[in-house]
């Protein structure tokens, strides 16, 4: 009989153990024994070349060891104190067929799977095979999205939070990425766009570290505002990337040029979908793709609807009309907001917004969560005051992102991270992040992504 279990090492990491029980004849004096394989932590993500950035605990760095140099694997037998050593314990590798080994390893959490690939060459080849990656993907439907938090503003280092095991893992992004880049994610892929010229784009899988650089998008090269979004297909693994660019018309504060550009990974090219001049409104840096619609935030520049500073545009990507007037699809914000963060949760548009005071709409008094049903906003929850106070000094703008059923909220002024589960309607703090505040004006930010093995750019 085989079973998959877990042990906890001194470093506080949940590690997989496979127990093999060998039945004895009824007349035998020996009792069934259990022989666990305790797997040591290992680094980066199923890559023989030796990616060196992952740490599987808060404080213990992990390096990649080539085949033949693993010296951390321990084989420990458990037996009763009065029993003799059981010589009938059988090596798992000697009898497990490949398909059964794959089924057992596919039951492991993502972090434990990384370590399993370091046991031996056979296990490494198993967990890196295309067949296993597809089978594993079908068994991780309950895998919750992770949240990556930058350690500082000018380096590509940070920690990713796993809400299932409630642990932080050190992950290094590509060397050119910093926290001020535009970032969007979908189904395991993360898209980065530089903040200077906004012409350099890369699509990246933070787990497998596969990456693709994209050609420069069309339109205004130095726009005043840009909103980035990505949508990956879960079956074909193709993806679309949209950029909404907004630039002020020279010497006219009320008029803004707006354009929408779309990249398709199959065609490997950009297409300009729409170009229009808006009066009294401009786009910002918030957008998301839900199904066949692109949503992006609008911000009042004056002369618009009284007491309405924020709104939403719903653009149909299936028709891609270049003659459609955007303001016909304008949806006002649910209340007076200090800021709004858009996200796709199971193909539903969700907004997390800072609620402004009645007499001072630019001062935040709380945080709400809404779902868009058609053209109407439905309030789902408001952050309890004790959690709002738990952030300390909370600015009128903040970071928030999510996917599936999980929403992350983070203040720019502190590394505290709050989670909200859309199913259970439960608020919960994450484990304390290893990131520390090194100077008073240090800013903290991050992004949510799904840890996936089977998709690459």
Protein backbone atom coordinates (compact mmCIF):
# COMPACT_ATOMS: atom_id res chain seq x y z
CA UNK A 1 0.00 0.00 0.00
CA UNK A 2 1.26 3.45 -0.90
CA UNK A 3 0.40 6.82 0.57
CA UNK A 4 1.66 10.37 0.30
CA UNK A 5 2.23 12.18 3.55
CA UNK A 6 4.21 15.17 4.85
CA UNK A 7 6.93 15.76 7.39
CA UNK A 8 8.01 19.07 8.89
CA UNK A 9 11.71 19.79 9.05
CA UNK A 10 13.49 22.04 11.55
CA UNK A 11 13.48 24.90 9.06
CA UNK A 12 9.71 24.89 9.09
CA UNK A 13 9.16 23.54 5.57
CA UNK A 14 6.52 21.00 4.72
CA UNK A 15 8.33 18.27 2.82
CA UNK A 16 6.90 15.26 1.04
CA UNK A 17 7.45 11.73 2.24
CA UNK A 18 6.41 8.54 0.46
CA UNK A 19 5.80 5.54 2.69
CA UNK A 20 6.01 1.99 1.39
CA UNK A 21 4.44 -0.70 3.57
CA UNK A 22 5.49 -4.30 2.94
CA UNK A 23 3.02 -6.86 4.24
CA UNK A 24 4.47 -9.86 6.09
CA UNK A 25 3.05 -13.38 6.27
CA UNK A 26 0.71 -13.93 9.17
CA UNK A 27 3.20 -16.19 10.95
CA UNK A 28 6.03 -13.66 10.70
CA UNK A 29 7.19 -12.02 13.90
CA UNK A 30 8.04 -8.80 12.07
CA UNK A 31 5.56 -5.98 11.92
CA UNK A 32 4.98 -3.82 8.83
CA UNK A 33 7.55 -1.02 8.67
CA UNK A 34 7.37 2.45 7.21
CA UNK A 35 10.37 3.97 5.48
CA UNK A 36 10.04 7.65 4.67
CA UNK A 37 12.18 9.58 2.25
CA UNK A 38 12.87 13.00 3.75
CA UNK A 39 13.54 15.41 0.92
CA UNK A 40 15.80 18.37 1.51
CA UNK A 41 14.86 21.80 0.16
CA UNK A 42 16.10 22.69 -3.28
CA UNK A 43 16.00 25.72 -5.47
CA UNK A 44 14.79 26.75 -8.60
CA UNK A 45 12.31 25.38 -10.61
CA UNK A 46 12.86 22.12 -12.38
CA UNK A 47 15.73 23.30 -14.53
CA UNK A 48 18.90 21.32 -15.07
CA UNK A 49 20.98 24.35 -15.93
CA UNK A 50 20.79 25.51 -12.35
CA UNK A 51 18.52 28.49 -11.79
CA UNK A 52 19.59 29.85 -8.45
CA UNK A 53 16.98 32.17 -7.15
CA UNK A 54 14.38 30.23 -5.18
CA UNK A 55 14.56 29.76 -1.42
CA UNK A 56 12.09 27.35 0.05
CA UNK A 57 11.98 28.88 3.52
CA UNK A 58 12.05 32.30 5.05
CA UNK A 59 15.67 32.21 6.12
CA UNK A 60 17.46 29.21 4.56
CA UNK A 61 19.03 29.88 1.15
CA UNK A 62 18.95 27.02 -1.32
CA UNK A 63 21.37 26.36 -4.13
CA UNK A 64 21.01 24.09 -7.14
CA UNK A 65 23.04 20.88 -6.97
CA UNK A 66 23.89 18.94 -10.16
CA UNK A 67 23.13 15.26 -10.38
CA UNK A 68 25.36 13.13 -8.17
CA UNK A 69 26.00 15.85 -5.61
CA UNK A 70 22.85 15.62 -3.51
CA UNK A 71 24.04 15.21 0.05
CA UNK A 72 20.89 16.27 1.93
CA UNK A 73 18.63 13.30 1.25
CA UNK A 74 18.09 11.21 4.37
CA UNK A 75 16.61 7.74 4.48
CA UNK A 76 15.19 7.11 7.94
CA UNK A 77 13.40 3.98 9.08
CA UNK A 78 10.85 4.08 11.88
CA UNK A 79 10.36 0.99 13.98
CA UNK A 80 9.27 0.00 17.44
CA UNK A 81 11.98 0.14 20.07
CA UNK A 82 11.93 -3.63 20.63
CA UNK A 83 11.81 -4.61 16.97
CA UNK A 84 14.75 -5.78 14.96
CA UNK A 85 15.66 -4.07 11.71
CA UNK A 86 13.26 -5.06 8.97
CA UNK A 87 15.23 -6.21 5.97
CA UNK A 88 12.07 -6.47 3.89
CA UNK A 89 11.69 -2.71 3.39
CA UNK A 90 11.81 -2.23 -0.36
CA UNK A 91 13.19 0.72 -2.31
CA UNK A 92 10.33 2.69 -3.79
CA UNK A 93 12.18 3.26 -7.04
CA UNK A 94 12.70 -0.45 -7.58
CA UNK A 95 9.01 -1.34 -7.88
CA UNK A 96 7.04 1.83 -8.70
CA UNK A 97 6.04 2.04 -12.37
CA UNK A 98 6.34 5.44 -14.02
CA UNK A 99 2.61 6.11 -14.24
CA UNK A 100 2.07 5.38 -10.54
CA UNK A 101 5.04 7.54 -9.55
CA UNK A 102 3.57 10.39 -11.61
CA UNK A 103 0.19 10.02 -9.90
CA UNK A 104 1.81 10.13 -6.45
CA UNK A 105 4.01 13.15 -7.21
CA UNK A 106 1.07 14.97 -8.80
CA UNK A 107 -0.62 15.04 -5.37
CA UNK A 108 2.15 17.17 -3.87
CA UNK A 109 1.85 20.93 -3.32
CA UNK A 110 3.80 23.10 -5.73
CA UNK A 111 6.62 23.87 -3.28
CA UNK A 112 7.05 20.20 -2.32
CA UNK A 113 7.13 19.23 -5.97
CA UNK A 114 10.21 21.39 -6.46
CA UNK A 115 12.06 19.42 -3.82
CA UNK A 116 10.85 16.09 -5.18
CA UNK A 117 12.68 16.83 -8.42
CA UNK A 118 15.93 16.90 -6.49
CA UNK A 119 15.71 13.33 -5.12
CA UNK A 120 17.20 11.56 -8.13
CA UNK A 121 17.49 11.74 -11.88
CA UNK A 122 14.37 9.63 -12.40
CA UNK A 123 12.22 11.92 -10.25
CA UNK A 124 13.68 15.01 -11.89
CA UNK A 125 12.92 13.62 -15.37
CA UNK A 126 9.42 12.71 -14.19
CA UNK A 127 8.44 16.13 -12.83
CA UNK A 128 9.90 17.93 -15.86
CA UNK A 129 8.22 15.77 -18.49
CA UNK A 130 5.45 17.32 -20.59
CA UNK A 131 3.06 14.50 -19.70
CA UNK A 132 3.56 15.08 -15.98
CA UNK A 133 3.13 18.85 -16.30
CA UNK A 134 -0.22 18.37 -18.03
CA UNK A 135 -1.33 15.78 -15.48
CA UNK A 136 -0.14 17.95 -12.62
CA UNK A 137 -2.05 20.94 -13.95
CA UNK A 138 -5.29 18.95 -13.77
CA UNK A 139 -4.63 18.17 -10.11
CA UNK A 140 -3.90 21.73 -8.94
CA UNK A 141 -7.32 23.25 -9.46
CA UNK A 142 -7.29 24.17 -5.78
CA UNK A 143 -3.88 25.86 -6.03
CA UNK A 144 -4.40 29.40 -4.80
CA UNK A 145 -2.69 32.38 -6.44
CA UNK A 146 0.55 33.66 -4.94
CA UNK A 147 1.53 37.25 -4.24
CA UNK A 148 4.98 38.60 -5.11
CA UNK A 149 6.27 41.52 -3.02
CA UNK A 150 9.32 43.52 -4.10
CA UNK A 151 12.03 43.99 -1.48
CA UNK A 152 12.96 47.44 -2.82
CA UNK A 153 12.18 49.75 -5.72
CA UNK A 154 15.29 49.30 -7.88
CA UNK A 155 16.06 45.56 -7.72
CA UNK A 156 14.30 42.49 -9.21
CA UNK A 157 14.25 40.60 -5.90
CA UNK A 158 11.31 39.80 -3.70
CA UNK A 159 9.26 37.21 -1.86
CA UNK A 160 6.25 35.25 -3.11
CA UNK A 161 3.54 34.30 -0.63
CA UNK A 162 1.86 30.89 -0.84
CA UNK A 163 -1.51 31.18 0.96
CA UNK A 164 -2.00 27.41 1.01
CA UNK A 165 1.12 26.63 3.05
CA UNK A 166 1.26 30.20 4.47
CA UNK A 167 4.92 30.59 3.58
CA UNK A 168 7.10 33.14 1.78
CA UNK A 169 9.57 32.02 -0.90
CA UNK A 170 12.42 34.16 -2.20
CA UNK A 171 12.15 34.60 -5.97
CA UNK A 172 14.29 36.58 -8.36
CA UNK A 173 12.70 38.17 -11.41
CA UNK A 174 14.61 39.01 -14.62
CA UNK A 175 17.41 41.47 -13.92
CA UNK A 176 15.81 44.33 -15.85
CA UNK A 177 12.52 44.31 -13.90
CA UNK A 178 11.93 46.75 -11.04
CA UNK A 179 8.86 47.63 -9.02
CA UNK A 180 8.04 50.69 -11.13
CA UNK A 181 7.42 48.59 -14.26
CA UNK A 182 3.84 48.00 -15.40
CA UNK A 183 2.79 44.48 -14.47
CA UNK A 184 -0.19 42.30 -15.41
CA UNK A 185 -0.74 38.55 -15.01
CA UNK A 186 -3.00 35.75 -16.20
CA UNK A 187 -2.90 31.95 -15.75
CA UNK A 188 0.76 31.66 -14.77
CA UNK A 189 2.09 34.30 -17.15
CA UNK A 190 3.24 37.75 -16.06
CA UNK A 191 3.67 40.63 -18.51
CA UNK A 192 6.19 43.40 -17.75
CA UNK A 193 6.37 46.79 -19.51
CA UNK A 194 9.03 49.38 -18.75
CA UNK A 195 7.96 52.70 -17.26
CA UNK A 196 10.23 54.94 -19.33
CA UNK A 197 9.45 54.59 -23.02
CA UNK A 198 6.73 51.95 -22.43
CA UNK A 199 7.99 50.18 -25.53
CA UNK A 200 9.84 47.25 -23.90
CA UNK A 201 7.61 44.29 -23.04
CA UNK A 202 8.34 40.79 -21.79
CA UNK A 203 6.12 37.83 -20.93
CA UNK A 204 7.45 35.62 -18.15
CA UNK A 205 6.60 32.55 -16.06
CA UNK A 206 7.97 33.21 -12.52
CA UNK A 207 7.98 29.48 -11.69
CA UNK A 208 9.68 27.95 -14.74
CA UNK A 209 11.50 31.21 -15.60
CA UNK A 210 10.67 30.90 -19.29
CA UNK A 211 10.50 34.29 -21.01
CA UNK A 212 9.68 35.94 -24.33
CA UNK A 213 10.40 39.51 -25.41
CA UNK A 214 7.76 41.22 -27.54
CA UNK A 215 8.12 43.60 -30.43
CA UNK A 216 7.53 47.27 -29.73
CA UNK A 217 3.84 48.25 -29.62
CA UNK A 218 2.47 50.88 -32.02
CA UNK A 219 0.97 54.24 -31.13
CA UNK A 220 2.29 57.05 -28.99
CA UNK A 221 5.73 56.09 -27.69
CA UNK A 222 5.83 58.45 -24.71
CA UNK A 223 2.24 58.46 -23.44
CA UNK A 224 1.27 60.23 -20.24
CA UNK A 225 -0.62 57.20 -18.94
CA UNK A 226 -0.65 53.53 -19.94
CA UNK A 227 -2.77 50.61 -18.77
CA UNK A 228 -1.50 47.05 -19.32
CA UNK A 229 -3.57 43.84 -19.33
CA UNK A 230 -3.00 40.21 -20.34
CA UNK A 231 -5.38 37.30 -20.85
CA UNK A 232 -4.09 33.72 -21.34
CA UNK A 233 -6.21 30.88 -22.69
CA UNK A 234 -6.19 27.93 -20.28
CA UNK A 235 -6.50 25.34 -23.07
CA UNK A 236 -4.44 26.61 -26.00
CA UNK A 237 -2.05 28.67 -23.82
CA UNK A 238 -2.16 31.49 -26.36
CA UNK A 239 -2.53 34.98 -24.92
CA UNK A 240 -3.60 38.52 -25.74
CA UNK A 241 -2.01 41.67 -24.34
CA UNK A 242 -3.70 45.07 -24.42
CA UNK A 243 -2.29 48.54 -23.83
CA UNK A 244 -4.52 51.58 -23.36
CA UNK A 245 -2.51 54.75 -24.00
CA UNK A 246 -3.58 58.24 -23.00
CA UNK A 247 -1.83 61.51 -23.79
CA UNK A 248 -2.96 65.07 -23.21
CA UNK A 249 -3.73 67.14 -26.29
CA UNK A 250 -1.13 69.96 -26.39
CA UNK A 251 -2.27 73.08 -24.51
CA UNK A 252 -5.67 71.57 -23.75
CA UNK A 253 -6.08 69.97 -20.33
CA UNK A 254 -9.63 68.75 -20.99
CA UNK A 255 -8.91 66.79 -24.17
CA UNK A 256 -6.95 63.55 -24.18
CA UNK A 257 -5.89 61.28 -27.04
CA UNK A 258 -6.72 57.66 -26.23
CA UNK A 259 -5.74 54.56 -28.19
CA UNK A 260 -6.12 50.80 -27.64
CA UNK A 261 -3.53 48.33 -28.92
CA UNK A 262 -3.72 44.52 -28.86
CA UNK A 263 -1.01 41.84 -29.20
CA UNK A 264 -1.84 38.22 -30.10
CA UNK A 265 0.72 35.51 -29.32
CA UNK A 266 -0.36 33.30 -32.23
CA UNK A 267 -0.06 36.06 -34.83
CA UNK A 268 2.94 37.58 -32.96
CA UNK A 269 1.89 41.08 -33.96
CA UNK A 270 0.23 44.23 -32.62
CA UNK A 271 -3.01 45.74 -33.93
CA UNK A 272 -4.38 49.19 -33.12
CA UNK A 273 -8.06 48.71 -32.30
CA UNK A 274 -9.19 52.26 -31.66
CA UNK A 275 -8.03 55.87 -31.47
CA UNK A 276 -10.26 58.61 -30.06
CA UNK A 277 -10.19 61.99 -28.35
CA UNK A 278 -11.94 62.19 -24.96
CA UNK A 279 -13.30 65.40 -23.49
CA UNK A 280 -13.10 65.82 -19.73
CA UNK A 281 -11.78 62.29 -19.15
CA UNK A 282 -8.50 60.44 -19.45
CA UNK A 283 -7.39 56.85 -19.03
CA UNK A 284 -5.00 55.82 -16.26
CA UNK A 285 -2.99 52.72 -15.38
CA UNK A 286 -5.84 50.31 -14.54
CA UNK A 287 -7.23 47.81 -17.05
CA UNK A 288 -8.19 44.13 -17.19
CA UNK A 289 -9.54 41.65 -19.76
CA UNK A 290 -12.57 39.56 -18.77
CA UNK A 291 -13.77 37.18 -21.45
CA UNK A 292 -14.36 39.18 -24.63
CA UNK A 293 -14.33 42.59 -22.93
CA UNK A 294 -11.58 45.03 -22.06
CA UNK A 295 -12.29 47.21 -19.03
CA UNK A 296 -10.25 50.26 -18.11
CA UNK A 297 -10.62 53.09 -15.63
CA UNK A 298 -11.32 56.71 -16.58
CA UNK A 299 -10.46 59.74 -14.46
CA UNK A 300 -12.19 63.11 -14.63
CA UNK A 301 -10.20 66.11 -15.85
CA UNK A 302 -13.09 68.50 -15.23
CA UNK A 303 -16.34 69.35 -16.95
CA UNK A 304 -17.78 65.85 -16.59
CA UNK A 305 -20.51 64.39 -14.39
CA UNK A 306 -20.71 66.32 -11.07
CA UNK A 307 -19.30 64.46 -8.04
CA UNK A 308 -18.03 61.67 -10.34
CA UNK A 309 -14.25 61.47 -10.42
CA UNK A 310 -13.90 57.84 -11.57
CA UNK A 311 -15.61 55.73 -14.18
CA UNK A 312 -15.18 52.61 -16.27
CA UNK A 313 -15.17 51.87 -20.00
CA UNK A 314 -16.35 48.47 -21.27
CA UNK A 315 -14.87 47.79 -24.72
CA UNK A 316 -16.01 44.76 -26.76
CA UNK A 317 -12.95 42.90 -28.08
CA UNK A 318 -15.00 40.53 -30.22
CA UNK A 319 -16.38 43.29 -32.45
CA UNK A 320 -13.28 45.51 -32.21
CA UNK A 321 -15.14 48.46 -33.63
CA UNK A 322 -12.85 51.37 -34.44
CA UNK A 323 -15.81 53.73 -34.90
CA UNK A 324 -17.53 53.04 -31.58
CA UNK A 325 -17.76 56.01 -29.24
CA UNK A 326 -16.20 54.94 -25.95
CA UNK A 327 -18.34 57.16 -23.75
CA UNK A 328 -21.45 55.25 -24.82
CA UNK A 329 -20.05 52.39 -22.74
CA UNK A 330 -19.23 54.54 -19.71
CA UNK A 331 -20.10 53.07 -16.29
CA UNK A 332 -19.87 55.42 -13.27
CA UNK A 333 -18.00 54.29 -10.18
CA UNK A 334 -20.21 52.86 -7.39
CA UNK A 335 -19.34 55.72 -5.02
CA UNK A 336 -16.80 58.47 -4.47
CA UNK A 337 -13.41 56.74 -4.75
CA UNK A 338 -9.85 57.68 -3.93
CA UNK A 339 -8.62 54.93 -6.30
CA UNK A 340 -9.85 51.76 -7.97
CA UNK A 341 -8.09 48.46 -8.73
CA UNK A 342 -9.54 46.14 -11.38
CA UNK A 343 -9.15 42.35 -11.49
CA UNK A 344 -10.57 39.30 -13.21
CA UNK A 345 -11.96 36.76 -10.75
CA UNK A 346 -13.36 33.76 -12.65
CA UNK A 347 -14.27 35.93 -15.65
CA UNK A 348 -16.11 38.44 -13.48
CA UNK A 349 -14.92 42.01 -13.16
CA UNK A 350 -14.10 42.91 -9.57
CA UNK A 351 -13.04 46.31 -8.30
CA UNK A 352 -11.33 47.06 -5.00
CA UNK A 353 -11.68 50.75 -4.26
CA UNK A 354 -10.77 53.27 -1.63
CA UNK A 355 -13.93 54.94 -0.32
CA UNK A 356 -13.57 58.71 0.07
CA UNK A 357 -15.04 60.79 2.86
CA UNK A 358 -18.28 62.57 2.07
CA UNK A 359 -16.89 66.04 2.62
CA UNK A 360 -13.36 65.24 1.40
CA UNK A 361 -13.53 62.66 -1.39
CA UNK A 362 -9.74 62.61 -1.74
CA UNK A 363 -9.28 61.29 1.83
CA UNK A 364 -9.80 57.56 2.29
CA UNK A 365 -12.10 56.31 5.05
CA UNK A 366 -12.39 52.63 4.08
CA UNK A 367 -12.06 50.01 1.35
CA UNK A 368 -14.86 48.28 -0.53
CA UNK A 369 -15.13 45.40 -2.99
CA UNK A 370 -17.65 45.38 -5.87
CA UNK A 371 -18.60 43.03 -8.70
CA UNK A 372 -19.92 44.37 -11.98
CA UNK A 373 -23.19 42.76 -13.09
CA UNK A 374 -24.00 44.11 -16.54
CA UNK A 375 -23.73 47.83 -15.95
CA UNK A 376 -24.54 47.78 -12.23
CA UNK A 377 -22.11 47.48 -9.33
CA UNK A 378 -22.90 45.01 -6.56
CA UNK A 379 -21.11 45.56 -3.27
CA UNK A 380 -19.59 42.33 -1.95
CA UNK A 381 -17.76 43.45 1.19
CA UNK A 382 -16.21 46.33 3.08
CA UNK A 383 -12.99 45.98 4.97
CA UNK A 384 -13.64 45.83 8.73
CA UNK A 385 -12.22 48.82 10.55
CA UNK A 386 -9.79 46.71 12.62
CA UNK A 387 -8.06 45.53 9.44
CA UNK A 388 -8.06 49.03 7.98
CA UNK A 389 -6.36 50.28 11.15
CA UNK A 390 -3.97 47.32 11.06
CA UNK A 391 -2.17 48.83 8.08
CA UNK A 392 -1.20 51.84 10.18
CA UNK A 393 -1.13 54.99 8.06
CA UNK A 394 -3.09 54.16 4.91
CA UNK A 395 -2.69 56.37 1.81
CA UNK A 396 -5.56 57.24 -0.48
CA UNK A 397 -4.00 54.91 -3.08
CA UNK A 398 -2.85 51.34 -2.48
CA UNK A 399 -1.92 48.11 -4.28
CA UNK A 400 -4.47 45.36 -4.83
CA UNK A 401 -4.68 42.42 -7.22
CA UNK A 402 -6.24 38.99 -7.31
CA UNK A 403 -7.38 36.02 -9.31
CA UNK A 404 -9.63 32.99 -8.90
CA UNK A 405 -11.37 33.67 -5.54
CA UNK A 406 -8.57 35.47 -3.69
CA UNK A 407 -7.87 39.21 -3.39
CA UNK A 408 -4.66 40.71 -2.00
CA UNK A 409 -4.52 44.25 -0.56
CA UNK A 410 -1.27 45.98 0.32
CA UNK A 411 -0.43 49.45 1.58
CA UNK A 412 2.41 51.23 -0.21
CA UNK A 413 3.79 52.32 3.15
CA UNK A 414 4.29 48.93 4.82
CA UNK A 415 4.90 45.26 3.93
CA UNK A 416 1.67 44.11 5.60
CA UNK A 417 -0.49 41.97 3.29
CA UNK A 418 -4.22 41.32 3.73
CA UNK A 419 -6.21 38.57 1.98
CA UNK A 420 -9.92 38.40 1.24
CA UNK A 421 -11.60 35.16 0.14
CA UNK A 422 -14.55 35.85 -2.16
CA UNK A 423 -16.15 32.47 -1.38
CA UNK A 424 -15.99 32.46 2.41
CA UNK A 425 -16.02 36.28 2.75
CA UNK A 426 -13.15 35.96 5.25
CA UNK A 427 -10.43 38.56 5.82
CA UNK A 428 -7.04 37.26 6.91
CA UNK A 429 -3.53 38.61 7.34
CA UNK A 430 -0.69 36.80 5.62
CA UNK A 431 2.28 35.48 7.54
CA UNK A 432 4.76 38.27 8.25
CA UNK A 433 6.78 39.03 5.14
CA UNK A 434 10.61 38.91 5.41
CA UNK A 435 10.70 42.33 3.72
CA UNK A 436 11.60 45.04 6.22
CA UNK A 437 11.29 48.82 6.06
CA UNK A 438 14.77 50.29 5.76
CA UNK A 439 13.94 54.00 5.55
CA UNK A 440 10.83 56.11 6.28
CA UNK A 441 9.81 56.85 2.68
CA UNK A 442 10.35 53.32 1.38
CA UNK A 443 7.49 52.09 -0.82
CA UNK A 444 6.18 48.53 -1.00
CA UNK A 445 4.31 47.02 -3.89
CA UNK A 446 3.68 43.69 -5.58
CA UNK A 447 1.45 41.65 -7.85
CA UNK A 448 -0.64 38.50 -7.80
CA UNK A 449 0.05 35.54 -10.11
CA UNK A 450 -0.90 31.90 -10.49
CA UNK A 451 1.97 29.41 -9.99
CA UNK A 452 1.75 27.21 -13.09
CA UNK A 453 4.22 24.75 -14.59
CA UNK A 454 2.56 23.82 -17.86
CA UNK A 455 2.40 27.22 -19.59
CA UNK A 456 5.21 29.18 -21.19
CA UNK A 457 5.33 32.32 -23.33
